Amino acid sequence: MSLAAIGRYFIENWLEILGAVTAIVSIWLTTKRKMACWPIGIISDLAYLVISYQAKLFSFALLLVGGLPLTIYGWWYWEQGVREEGDVRVVRLPLPNLLIGVVAGALGGLALGVWMKHYHASLPYLDAMLTSFSILGGWWQARKHIANWWLWIVVDIVYVGEFLRENLLLTALLYAAFVALAIVGLRDWRRAAAIGAEN
């Protein structure tokens, strides 16, 4: 590939590159429980809002619009915890809350899929289900539950396939990286929880 072709690729795909880079940085900071994950994540969400709309992945676009208040809440909630506890403490998710979340995610995905089918969205049910469970993952992340990483591993693996089908290759690679980062996040948050239990 020539230098000119690489340059053209960057010019034509600058928004996807911006979204991918800021998303990776944001998730890596989340694995480390750093507050900067939230504002950097907002930049990524805005970039992907445009990309998903152009690709007619309307449920994913809706996720990004609806996820903004959740991101702001997570930023605020983590900040409160840092003020009270000195750092971002990991919190265990009770089994009844986990089950309620999974059922709500499935029902929300089905309802959204029916709605998106009327708009001729690409992959209406799959995209809707991923959107619904991503909202659940975002909520668990905001509430500092380790279970968010398990959910992100599954959701991100499925997203890889969806983005490959839509020919969003960079985004598919990004979500493959998200799977790896979610595994790192799971490991790091479990360690943090073990240390917190000892103190």
Protein backbone atom coordinates (compact mmCIF):
# COMPACT_ATOMS: atom_id res chain seq x y z
CA MET A 1 0.00 0.00 0.00
CA SER A 2 1.43 3.38 -1.01
CA LEU A 3 1.84 6.36 1.30
CA ALA A 4 -0.75 8.22 -0.77
CA ALA A 5 -3.28 5.38 -0.28
CA ILE A 6 -2.66 5.40 3.47
CA GLY A 7 -3.12 9.16 3.51
CA ARG A 8 -6.39 8.85 1.58
CA TYR A 9 -7.61 6.19 4.01
CA PHE A 10 -6.94 8.47 6.99
CA ILE A 11 -8.66 11.42 5.30
CA GLU A 12 -11.71 9.38 4.29
CA ASN A 13 -12.02 7.60 7.65
CA TRP A 14 -10.84 10.26 10.09
CA LEU A 15 -14.06 10.16 12.12
CA GLU A 16 -13.94 6.39 12.56
CA ILE A 17 -10.25 6.65 13.52
CA LEU A 18 -11.04 9.38 16.09
CA GLY A 19 -13.88 7.29 17.51
CA ALA A 20 -11.72 4.16 17.67
CA VAL A 21 -8.71 5.79 19.32
CA THR A 22 -10.74 7.66 21.94
CA ALA A 23 -12.81 4.54 22.65
CA ILE A 24 -9.71 2.42 23.30
CA VAL A 25 -8.21 5.09 25.56
CA SER A 26 -11.51 5.46 27.42
CA ILE A 27 -11.94 1.74 28.05
CA TRP A 28 -8.30 1.30 29.06
CA LEU A 29 -8.77 4.13 31.59
CA THR A 30 -11.94 2.41 32.81
CA THR A 31 -9.99 -0.80 33.47
CA LYS A 32 -7.68 1.31 35.65
CA ARG A 33 -10.66 3.02 37.34
CA LYS A 34 -9.51 6.49 36.21
CA MET A 35 -12.01 9.37 36.05
CA ALA A 36 -10.73 10.56 32.65
CA CYS A 37 -12.48 7.55 31.06
CA TRP A 38 -15.77 9.45 31.09
CA PRO A 39 -14.97 12.65 29.12
CA ILE A 40 -12.83 10.75 26.60
CA GLY A 41 -15.68 8.27 26.17
CA ILE A 42 -18.04 11.13 25.31
CA ILE A 43 -15.78 12.15 22.40
CA SER A 44 -15.86 8.58 21.09
CA ASP A 45 -19.63 8.35 21.48
CA LEU A 46 -20.19 11.52 19.47
CA ALA A 47 -17.95 10.28 16.64
CA TYR A 48 -19.72 6.91 16.55
CA LEU A 49 -23.12 8.56 16.65
CA VAL A 50 -22.44 10.01 13.21
CA ILE A 51 -20.90 6.76 11.91
CA SER A 52 -23.76 4.55 13.11
CA TYR A 53 -26.39 6.86 11.63
CA GLN A 54 -24.64 6.78 8.26
CA ALA A 55 -24.49 2.95 8.41
CA LYS A 56 -28.22 2.78 9.35
CA LEU A 57 -27.39 1.04 12.62
CA PHE A 58 -30.15 3.07 14.24
CA SER A 59 -30.30 1.13 17.51
CA PHE A 60 -26.56 1.66 17.96
CA ALA A 61 -27.08 5.37 17.24
CA LEU A 62 -29.89 5.42 19.80
CA LEU A 63 -27.56 3.76 22.29
CA LEU A 64 -25.08 6.59 21.87
CA VAL A 65 -27.74 9.27 22.29
CA GLY A 66 -29.31 7.54 25.28
CA GLY A 67 -25.93 6.62 26.69
CA LEU A 68 -24.86 10.24 27.12
CA PRO A 69 -26.96 10.82 30.27
CA LEU A 70 -25.70 7.45 31.58
CA THR A 71 -22.11 8.54 30.94
CA ILE A 72 -22.69 11.82 32.77
CA TYR A 73 -24.28 9.89 35.64
CA GLY A 74 -21.36 7.45 35.78
CA TRP A 75 -18.88 10.33 35.82
CA TRP A 76 -20.79 11.99 38.68
CA TYR A 77 -21.27 8.72 40.61
CA TRP A 78 -17.59 7.77 40.40
CA GLU A 79 -16.64 11.30 41.47
CA GLN A 80 -18.84 11.01 44.57
CA GLY A 81 -17.19 7.70 45.45
CA VAL A 82 -13.71 9.17 45.07
CA ARG A 83 -14.61 12.06 47.38
CA GLU A 84 -16.02 9.72 50.03
CA GLU A 85 -13.66 6.72 49.74
CA GLY A 86 -10.47 8.13 48.22
CA ASP A 87 -10.66 6.07 45.02
CA VAL A 88 -13.10 4.20 42.77
CA ARG A 89 -14.19 1.15 44.77
CA VAL A 90 -15.54 -1.96 43.04
CA VAL A 91 -19.01 -3.07 44.21
CA ARG A 92 -20.46 -6.61 44.09
CA LEU A 93 -23.67 -7.10 42.06
CA PRO A 94 -26.34 -9.04 44.01
CA LEU A 95 -27.78 -12.05 42.13
CA PRO A 96 -31.40 -10.74 42.09
CA ASN A 97 -30.19 -7.47 40.50
CA LEU A 98 -28.19 -9.43 37.93
CA LEU A 99 -31.24 -11.52 36.96
CA ILE A 100 -33.51 -8.47 36.77
CA GLY A 101 -30.94 -6.73 34.58
CA VAL A 102 -30.64 -9.64 32.16
CA VAL A 103 -34.43 -9.99 31.81
CA ALA A 104 -34.83 -6.22 31.33
CA GLY A 105 -32.03 -6.24 28.72
CA ALA A 106 -33.72 -9.03 26.73
CA LEU A 107 -37.18 -7.43 26.87
CA GLY A 108 -35.77 -4.03 25.95
CA GLY A 109 -33.92 -5.56 23.01
CA LEU A 110 -37.07 -7.26 21.68
CA ALA A 111 -39.16 -4.09 21.98
CA LEU A 112 -36.49 -1.95 20.33
CA GLY A 113 -36.07 -4.53 17.55
CA VAL A 114 -39.77 -4.34 16.67
CA TRP A 115 -39.53 -0.55 16.53
CA MET A 116 -36.33 -0.54 14.43
CA LYS A 117 -37.79 -3.02 11.92
CA HIS A 118 -40.37 -0.38 10.98
CA TYR A 119 -37.51 1.99 10.08
CA HIS A 120 -35.81 -0.61 7.86
CA ALA A 121 -32.74 -0.56 10.10
CA SER A 122 -29.86 -2.85 9.30
CA LEU A 123 -30.01 -6.00 11.49
CA PRO A 124 -32.89 -4.56 13.55
CA TYR A 125 -33.21 -7.29 16.19
CA LEU A 126 -29.52 -8.05 16.64
CA ASP A 127 -28.55 -4.38 16.80
CA ALA A 128 -31.43 -3.68 19.19
CA MET A 129 -30.45 -6.55 21.50
CA LEU A 130 -26.83 -5.39 21.55
CA THR A 131 -28.00 -1.85 22.26
CA SER A 132 -30.20 -2.94 25.15
CA PHE A 133 -27.48 -5.02 26.76
CA SER A 134 -24.94 -2.25 26.18
CA ILE A 135 -27.16 0.09 28.20
CA LEU A 136 -27.22 -2.53 30.94
CA GLY A 137 -23.41 -2.84 30.74
CA GLY A 138 -23.08 0.93 30.96
CA TRP A 139 -25.33 1.01 34.02
CA TRP A 140 -23.35 -1.75 35.74
CA GLN A 141 -20.12 0.07 34.84
CA ALA A 142 -21.45 3.35 36.26
CA ARG A 143 -22.42 1.50 39.45
CA LYS A 144 -18.92 -0.07 39.59
CA HIS A 145 -20.07 -3.71 39.34
CA ILE A 146 -17.49 -6.27 38.16
CA ALA A 147 -20.27 -8.03 36.22
CA ASN A 148 -20.12 -5.24 33.63
CA TRP A 149 -16.92 -6.78 32.22
CA TRP A 150 -18.49 -10.22 31.75
CA LEU A 151 -21.36 -8.62 29.86
CA TRP A 152 -19.03 -6.48 27.72
CA ILE A 153 -17.01 -9.54 26.70
CA VAL A 154 -20.13 -11.22 25.27
CA VAL A 155 -21.64 -8.06 23.73
CA ASP A 156 -18.36 -6.97 22.12
CA ILE A 157 -17.75 -10.39 20.54
CA VAL A 158 -21.17 -10.20 18.87
CA TYR A 159 -20.55 -6.58 17.83
CA VAL A 160 -17.40 -7.72 15.99
CA GLY A 161 -19.56 -9.89 13.75
CA GLU A 162 -22.12 -7.15 13.21
CA PHE A 163 -19.54 -4.58 12.18
CA LEU A 164 -17.79 -7.05 9.86
CA ARG A 165 -21.12 -7.64 8.13
CA GLU A 166 -21.59 -3.87 7.73
CA ASN A 167 -18.05 -3.54 6.30
CA LEU A 168 -16.91 -1.32 9.19
CA LEU A 169 -13.56 -3.07 9.41
CA LEU A 170 -11.80 -0.62 11.71
CA THR A 171 -14.75 -0.68 14.08
CA ALA A 172 -14.77 -4.50 14.03
CA LEU A 173 -11.08 -4.45 14.97
CA LEU A 174 -11.86 -1.89 17.65
CA TYR A 175 -14.48 -4.17 19.18
CA ALA A 176 -12.08 -7.10 19.06
CA ALA A 177 -9.70 -4.88 21.07
CA PHE A 178 -12.61 -4.12 23.41
CA VAL A 179 -12.94 -7.85 24.13
CA ALA A 180 -9.28 -7.95 25.16
CA LEU A 181 -9.68 -4.77 27.24
CA ALA A 182 -12.78 -6.20 28.92
CA ILE A 183 -10.75 -9.26 29.94
CA VAL A 184 -8.09 -6.92 31.38
CA GLY A 185 -10.81 -4.90 33.12
CA LEU A 186 -12.30 -8.05 34.63
CA ARG A 187 -8.90 -9.12 35.94
CA ASP A 188 -8.03 -5.68 37.34
CA TRP A 189 -11.40 -5.06 38.96
CA ARG A 190 -11.37 -8.50 40.57
CA ARG A 191 -7.96 -7.71 42.02
CA ALA A 192 -9.25 -4.35 43.26
CA ALA A 193 -12.26 -6.04 44.86
CA ALA A 194 -9.99 -8.57 46.61
CA ILE A 195 -7.78 -5.78 47.95
CA GLY A 196 -10.86 -3.85 49.06
CA ALA A 197 -12.18 -6.90 50.91
CA GLU A 198 -8.90 -7.22 52.79
CA ASN A 199 -9.01 -3.59 53.99
